[in-house]
Amino acid sequence: MTALPLTHHEILGLVAPFTARGRHVDLAASDRLERRLVFKAISHAGESDRLPDLCETLVLENGTAKDFRLTRHLALPCGLEATLYTEGADPGELLDRIEMIPVRRQFRSQPGFVIAESHRLDAPERSGSGAQMTAPPMILTHALAQFDALTVSMKLPALGGIPAELELKAATGRHDLPEDLLAVLGWSWARLIRAGGGWKCSLRVRGKAQARSRDAELKLERTAAHLAQTLAESPRQFHERWFARRWRVTCRRAFPLTVTLTLIGLAAAVPSMGLSESSLLRLVMFQSPPLLLGLLFCFRELPQIEIPPWPRRLTQTNWAAVPDAVAPAPGTSTNHNPT
């Protein structure tokens, strides 16, 4: 059944706790048919160049009489945005939760990059008497890191055990990035894969709920710091700095193929080992290839069986790719030899 549009009487009741705190509804931006109320933007003055002004906007959505979602939108002058939303049956309580989180908690600024994080705000735990025991837990949903040359977005699935996904896109022009650009940071970072006009990379995160969210935030900040330093240097410096790690990544990528070939070789060598028909070792070795195949399907992320490329020295002078040659205009001769 489609929900009825918000009435004037309902609006007055919903905005009462907001008006009491100096937040006023913007009727022109609101949508009664969609049961969505938008409040007038509030500006938070910046404290320095690294903490610029913030524009805050609240949006209250009411699907049913007991189903509310309050979303806080924060925007920086550079265009980066962060959201924080929470759900419940009492708009006033939702506002209490939102206001417990400082507006600058969802932004991090370091030399070379700015990160904007969006979160879900769950209901706080309560004691038997009804008093709040802890602050509302913040769960990361997605984030965006902005550089001069790149933007990096991260999506964190709500289901535990599934890796986060990083997507890198060049801000302008084209860039030539090695596959192990992020994998040198450790086991949690996978190789870069070209996707459309950018790259994708899986990022393993650990823990449950809040711990998983915090792990994703820390790893994104480490990724951003690594990219800021790498992009500020030449590709040659990247190869020299991470030479040993690049070889470690190559060995790591070759591990699935090595294990596969080893097990197949052992299975093929069983007849020549002279093991008895009733030997348990013979049974395990002979059945290892199908067991390995079955084991692969137990992983949430299938291992890549490949022959990885060697970490060769990067020859380009900068990270920007050489633009394609411009085709000559129609009717223009390409022969420049003097006659």
Protein backbone atom coordinates (compact mmCIF):
# COMPACT_ATOMS: atom_id res chain seq x y z
CA MET A 1 0.00 0.00 0.00
CA THR A 2 1.37 3.40 -1.00
CA ALA A 3 1.97 5.75 1.94
CA LEU A 4 -0.15 8.89 2.03
CA PRO A 5 1.52 12.29 1.50
CA LEU A 6 2.64 14.15 4.59
CA THR A 7 -0.03 16.47 5.98
CA HIS A 8 0.65 19.88 7.46
CA HIS A 9 -0.22 18.53 10.90
CA GLU A 10 2.24 15.64 10.52
CA ILE A 11 5.01 17.98 9.41
CA LEU A 12 4.54 20.18 12.48
CA GLY A 13 4.87 17.14 14.74
CA LEU A 14 7.92 15.72 12.96
CA VAL A 15 9.93 18.95 12.86
CA ALA A 16 9.23 19.93 16.49
CA PRO A 17 12.45 18.40 17.97
CA PHE A 18 14.46 19.90 15.09
CA THR A 19 12.97 23.38 15.45
CA ALA A 20 13.74 23.31 19.18
CA ARG A 21 17.44 23.03 18.26
CA GLY A 22 17.43 25.78 15.67
CA ARG A 23 16.95 23.54 12.62
CA HIS A 24 14.19 24.69 10.29
CA VAL A 25 12.53 22.74 7.51
CA ASP A 26 13.01 23.84 3.90
CA LEU A 27 9.54 23.29 2.45
CA ALA A 28 10.64 24.20 -1.07
CA ALA A 29 13.23 21.40 -1.07
CA SER A 30 11.00 18.89 0.74
CA ASP A 31 8.67 16.40 -0.97
CA ARG A 32 5.37 15.66 0.74
CA LEU A 33 4.44 12.93 -1.75
CA GLU A 34 7.67 11.07 -1.02
CA ARG A 35 7.29 11.82 2.71
CA ARG A 36 10.72 13.44 2.75
CA LEU A 37 11.61 16.57 4.73
CA VAL A 38 14.75 18.56 3.98
CA PHE A 39 16.11 21.01 6.53
CA LYS A 40 17.90 24.24 5.73
CA ALA A 41 21.65 23.95 5.34
CA ILE A 42 23.94 24.93 8.18
CA SER A 43 27.50 26.16 7.58
CA HIS A 44 30.31 25.15 9.92
CA ALA A 45 33.28 27.51 9.74
CA GLY A 46 36.68 26.02 9.04
CA GLU A 47 39.58 26.31 11.43
CA SER A 48 42.44 26.14 8.89
CA ASP A 49 43.26 25.23 5.30
CA ARG A 50 43.20 21.57 6.28
CA LEU A 51 39.82 22.05 8.01
CA PRO A 52 37.76 24.08 5.52
CA ASP A 53 34.13 25.12 5.81
CA LEU A 54 31.49 22.38 5.93
CA CYS A 55 27.91 22.59 4.67
CA GLU A 56 25.50 20.36 6.62
CA THR A 57 22.03 19.31 5.44
CA LEU A 58 19.60 16.98 7.24
CA VAL A 59 17.01 14.86 5.42
CA LEU A 60 14.20 13.03 7.29
CA GLU A 61 12.42 10.25 5.39
CA ASN A 62 9.25 8.62 6.69
CA GLY A 63 8.24 5.41 4.93
CA THR A 64 5.58 4.43 7.49
CA ALA A 65 4.35 5.76 10.80
CA LYS A 66 7.11 3.89 12.70
CA ASP A 67 9.85 3.86 10.08
CA PHE A 68 12.14 6.89 9.92
CA ARG A 69 15.55 7.48 8.39
CA LEU A 70 17.57 10.60 9.22
CA THR A 71 20.52 11.35 6.96
CA ARG A 72 23.17 14.01 7.48
CA HIS A 73 24.87 15.24 4.30
CA LEU A 74 28.20 17.03 4.70
CA ALA A 75 29.93 18.75 1.79
CA LEU A 76 33.37 20.36 1.44
CA PRO A 77 34.03 23.28 -0.93
CA CYS A 78 36.09 20.89 -3.12
CA GLY A 79 32.98 18.81 -3.79
CA LEU A 80 33.69 15.85 -1.50
CA GLU A 81 30.63 14.63 0.38
CA ALA A 82 30.07 12.36 3.37
CA THR A 83 26.79 10.98 4.70
CA LEU A 84 25.69 9.59 8.04
CA TYR A 85 22.32 7.90 8.40
CA THR A 86 20.41 6.18 11.17
CA GLU A 87 16.98 4.55 11.38
CA GLY A 88 14.33 4.20 14.06
CA ALA A 89 10.85 5.08 15.24
CA ASP A 90 11.51 8.41 17.00
CA PRO A 91 12.83 11.39 14.94
CA GLY A 92 13.98 13.16 18.07
CA GLU A 93 16.07 10.17 19.15
CA LEU A 94 17.54 9.93 15.64
CA LEU A 95 18.61 13.57 15.88
CA ASP A 96 20.24 12.84 19.25
CA ARG A 97 22.29 10.07 17.67
CA ILE A 98 23.37 12.18 14.71
CA GLU A 99 24.43 15.11 16.88
CA MET A 100 26.62 12.83 19.02
CA ILE A 101 28.99 12.45 16.06
CA PRO A 102 31.20 15.53 15.36
CA VAL A 103 30.76 16.85 11.83
CA ARG A 104 34.49 16.56 11.11
CA ARG A 105 34.71 12.94 12.26
CA GLN A 106 33.97 11.75 8.72
CA PHE A 107 36.77 13.71 7.03
CA ARG A 108 40.52 13.22 7.17
CA SER A 109 42.95 15.56 5.50
CA GLN A 110 46.65 14.89 5.03
CA PRO A 111 49.26 16.42 2.70
CA GLY A 112 48.35 15.26 -0.79
CA PHE A 113 44.86 13.86 -0.17
CA VAL A 114 41.48 14.27 1.52
CA ILE A 115 39.24 11.37 2.61
CA ALA A 116 35.45 11.58 3.00
CA GLU A 117 33.77 8.63 4.76
CA SER A 118 30.08 7.69 4.85
CA HIS A 119 28.66 5.65 7.72
CA ARG A 120 25.59 3.92 9.06
CA LEU A 121 24.78 4.78 12.67
CA ASP A 122 23.25 1.89 14.60
CA ALA A 123 21.13 2.20 17.72
CA PRO A 124 23.21 2.49 20.92
CA GLU A 125 23.18 -0.31 23.48
CA ARG A 126 21.10 0.36 26.58
CA SER A 127 21.14 -0.90 30.12
CA GLY A 128 18.17 -2.48 31.84
CA SER A 129 17.06 0.90 33.16
CA GLY A 130 17.01 2.36 29.63
CA ALA A 131 20.07 4.56 30.00
CA GLN A 132 22.55 4.60 27.16
CA MET A 133 25.65 2.53 27.84
CA THR A 134 27.79 3.33 24.83
CA ALA A 135 27.93 5.79 21.96
CA PRO A 136 26.13 4.73 18.77
CA PRO A 137 28.38 2.44 16.71
CA MET A 138 29.44 3.85 13.32
CA ILE A 139 29.69 1.36 10.48
CA LEU A 140 31.53 2.43 7.31
CA THR A 141 29.53 1.95 4.09
CA HIS A 142 31.71 3.71 1.51
CA ALA A 143 34.45 6.32 1.25
CA LEU A 144 36.24 8.50 -1.27
CA ALA A 145 39.86 9.70 -1.26
CA GLN A 146 40.71 12.62 -3.54
CA PHE A 147 44.17 13.39 -4.93
CA ASP A 148 45.34 15.87 -7.54
CA ALA A 149 45.68 13.14 -10.18
CA LEU A 150 43.41 10.34 -8.91
CA THR A 151 40.26 9.59 -6.99
CA VAL A 152 39.96 6.36 -4.99
CA SER A 153 36.54 5.09 -3.94
CA MET A 154 35.93 2.24 -1.54
CA LYS A 155 32.77 0.16 -1.06
CA LEU A 156 32.49 -1.96 2.07
CA PRO A 157 29.87 -4.75 1.79
CA ALA A 158 27.66 -5.18 4.83
CA LEU A 159 28.16 -8.96 4.76
CA GLY A 160 31.23 -10.03 6.72
CA GLY A 161 33.96 -12.03 5.02
CA ILE A 162 33.58 -10.27 1.68
CA PRO A 163 36.51 -7.98 0.80
CA ALA A 164 36.08 -4.28 0.23
CA GLU A 165 36.50 -2.99 -3.31
CA LEU A 166 38.78 -0.12 -4.27
CA GLU A 167 38.29 1.71 -7.55
CA LEU A 168 40.93 4.11 -8.90
CA LYS A 169 40.15 6.65 -11.58
CA ALA A 170 42.35 9.32 -13.11
CA ALA A 171 41.06 12.84 -12.48
CA THR A 172 42.26 14.03 -15.89
CA GLY A 173 43.90 12.30 -18.84
CA ARG A 174 45.24 8.75 -18.65
CA HIS A 175 47.67 7.13 -16.26
CA ASP A 176 49.84 4.05 -16.54
CA LEU A 177 49.95 2.20 -13.19
CA PRO A 178 51.68 -1.14 -12.44
CA GLU A 179 49.53 -4.04 -11.25
CA ASP A 180 51.44 -4.27 -7.95
CA LEU A 181 51.06 -0.58 -7.10
CA LEU A 182 49.00 -1.37 -3.97
CA ALA A 183 49.88 -5.04 -3.49
CA VAL A 184 53.31 -4.02 -2.17
CA LEU A 185 51.55 -2.78 0.99
CA GLY A 186 50.82 -6.32 2.14
CA TRP A 187 48.70 -9.43 1.85
CA SER A 188 45.42 -7.50 2.27
CA TRP A 189 45.88 -5.61 -1.00
CA ALA A 190 45.30 -7.49 -4.27
CA ARG A 191 46.71 -6.58 -7.68
CA LEU A 192 45.23 -3.79 -9.77
CA ILE A 193 42.88 -4.89 -12.54
CA ARG A 194 41.96 -2.57 -15.39
CA ALA A 195 38.22 -1.88 -15.48
CA GLY A 196 36.86 0.58 -18.00
CA GLY A 197 38.76 3.82 -17.67
CA GLY A 198 40.29 2.97 -14.28
CA TRP A 199 41.42 0.12 -12.04
CA LYS A 200 39.90 -2.09 -9.38
CA CYS A 201 41.51 -3.75 -6.39
CA SER A 202 40.17 -6.07 -3.68
CA LEU A 203 41.00 -5.13 -0.10
CA ARG A 204 40.72 -7.73 2.65
CA VAL A 205 39.30 -6.43 5.93
CA ARG A 206 39.07 -8.29 9.21
CA GLY A 207 36.70 -8.42 12.14
CA LYS A 208 32.99 -7.99 12.59
CA ALA A 209 30.84 -4.85 12.43
CA GLN A 210 32.76 -2.03 14.16
CA ALA A 211 36.14 -3.80 14.07
CA ARG A 212 35.73 -4.49 10.35
CA SER A 213 34.71 -0.87 9.75
CA ARG A 214 37.69 0.48 11.67
CA ASP A 215 40.07 -1.86 9.84
CA ALA A 216 38.73 -0.61 6.50
CA GLU A 217 39.20 3.03 7.55
CA LEU A 218 42.81 2.45 8.64
CA LYS A 219 43.68 0.54 5.47
CA LEU A 220 42.12 3.21 3.27
CA GLU A 221 44.18 5.88 5.03
CA ARG A 222 47.32 3.78 4.56
CA THR A 223 46.42 3.32 0.88
CA ALA A 224 45.93 7.06 0.46
CA ALA A 225 49.24 7.93 2.14
CA HIS A 226 51.03 5.39 -0.07
CA LEU A 227 49.45 6.78 -3.25
CA ALA A 228 50.17 10.38 -2.26
CA GLN A 229 53.86 9.60 -1.78
CA THR A 230 54.11 7.38 -4.87
CA LEU A 231 52.40 9.81 -7.24
CA ALA A 232 54.62 12.64 -5.99
CA GLU A 233 57.69 10.64 -7.02
CA SER A 234 58.76 9.11 -10.33
CA PRO A 235 57.92 5.52 -11.38
CA ARG A 236 61.62 4.71 -11.15
CA GLN A 237 61.66 5.71 -7.48
CA PHE A 238 58.68 3.44 -6.85
CA HIS A 239 60.56 0.48 -8.34
CA GLU A 240 63.69 1.22 -6.30
CA ARG A 241 61.84 1.80 -3.04
CA TRP A 242 59.64 -1.30 -3.30
CA PHE A 243 61.97 -3.62 -5.23
CA ALA A 244 62.00 -6.40 -2.60
CA ARG A 245 58.26 -6.07 -1.98
CA ARG A 246 57.54 -6.28 -5.73
CA TRP A 247 59.34 -9.62 -5.89
CA ARG A 248 57.42 -10.75 -2.82
CA VAL A 249 54.16 -9.90 -4.60
CA THR A 250 55.29 -11.91 -7.63
CA CYS A 251 55.97 -14.95 -5.43
CA ARG A 252 52.62 -14.50 -3.73
CA ARG A 253 50.80 -14.39 -7.05
CA ALA A 254 52.64 -17.53 -8.20
CA PHE A 255 51.69 -19.49 -5.06
CA PRO A 256 48.30 -20.84 -6.32
CA LEU A 257 49.93 -22.09 -9.54
CA THR A 258 52.83 -23.64 -7.60
CA VAL A 259 50.48 -25.51 -5.26
CA THR A 260 48.33 -26.70 -8.16
CA LEU A 261 51.28 -28.03 -10.18
CA THR A 262 52.80 -29.65 -7.07
CA LEU A 263 49.63 -31.56 -6.24
CA ILE A 264 49.13 -32.67 -9.84
CA GLY A 265 52.75 -33.83 -9.96
CA LEU A 266 52.37 -35.80 -6.73
CA ALA A 267 49.21 -37.45 -8.01
CA ALA A 268 50.98 -38.41 -11.24
CA ALA A 269 53.93 -39.84 -9.29
CA VAL A 270 51.83 -42.09 -7.04
CA PRO A 271 52.16 -45.23 -9.25
CA SER A 272 55.97 -45.01 -9.19
CA MET A 273 56.25 -44.60 -5.40
CA GLY A 274 55.51 -48.23 -4.64
CA LEU A 275 52.80 -47.40 -2.09
CA SER A 276 50.36 -50.16 -1.18
CA GLU A 277 46.77 -50.01 -2.39
CA SER A 278 45.56 -49.53 1.20
CA SER A 279 47.97 -46.71 2.00
CA LEU A 280 46.24 -43.58 3.32
CA LEU A 281 49.01 -41.40 1.86
CA ARG A 282 48.40 -42.91 -1.58
CA LEU A 283 44.68 -42.15 -1.32
CA VAL A 284 45.26 -38.53 -0.25
CA MET A 285 47.86 -37.86 -2.94
CA PHE A 286 45.84 -39.49 -5.69
CA GLN A 287 42.70 -37.56 -4.77
CA SER A 288 44.48 -34.22 -4.20
CA PRO A 289 43.56 -32.58 -7.57
CA PRO A 290 39.75 -32.97 -7.17
CA LEU A 291 40.05 -32.05 -3.49
CA LEU A 292 41.93 -28.90 -4.46
CA LEU A 293 39.25 -28.00 -7.01
CA GLY A 294 36.54 -28.41 -4.38
CA LEU A 295 38.54 -26.34 -1.90
CA LEU A 296 38.78 -23.44 -4.34
CA PHE A 297 35.00 -23.05 -4.35
CA CYS A 298 35.01 -22.65 -0.56
CA PHE A 299 36.83 -19.30 -0.82
CA ARG A 300 34.77 -16.12 -1.11
CA GLU A 301 37.44 -14.81 -3.46
CA LEU A 302 38.79 -17.39 -5.91
CA PRO A 303 42.60 -17.51 -6.09
CA GLN A 304 44.04 -16.41 -9.43
CA ILE A 305 46.02 -19.24 -11.06
CA GLU A 306 48.45 -17.38 -13.31
CA ILE A 307 52.04 -16.92 -14.36
CA PRO A 308 52.74 -13.49 -12.84
CA PRO A 309 54.92 -11.00 -14.69
CA TRP A 310 58.35 -10.14 -13.32
CA PRO A 311 58.67 -6.78 -11.57
CA ARG A 312 60.54 -4.99 -14.31
CA ARG A 313 62.02 -1.52 -13.94
CA LEU A 314 59.48 1.16 -14.85
CA THR A 315 60.77 3.14 -17.81
CA GLN A 316 58.27 5.97 -18.05
CA THR A 317 59.32 9.35 -16.63
CA ASN A 318 55.98 10.06 -14.93
CA TRP A 319 52.72 8.31 -14.10
CA ALA A 320 50.73 9.96 -16.89
CA ALA A 321 50.42 7.68 -19.90
CA VAL A 322 51.69 8.88 -23.27
CA PRO A 323 48.66 10.22 -25.17
CA ASP A 324 47.64 8.48 -28.35
CA ALA A 325 49.03 9.99 -31.55
CA VAL A 326 46.74 12.57 -33.03
CA ALA A 327 45.39 11.45 -36.37
CA PRO A 328 46.09 13.85 -39.28
CA ALA A 329 43.23 15.94 -40.55
CA PRO A 330 41.49 14.66 -43.68
CA GLY A 331 43.33 15.70 -46.83
CA THR A 332 46.56 16.46 -44.96
CA SER A 333 49.66 14.72 -46.26
CA THR A 334 51.83 12.81 -43.75
CA ASN A 335 54.91 12.99 -46.00
CA HIS A 336 57.15 15.80 -44.72
CA ASN A 337 60.17 15.05 -46.94
CA PRO A 338 61.20 17.99 -49.11
CA THR A 339 60.64 17.53 -52.81
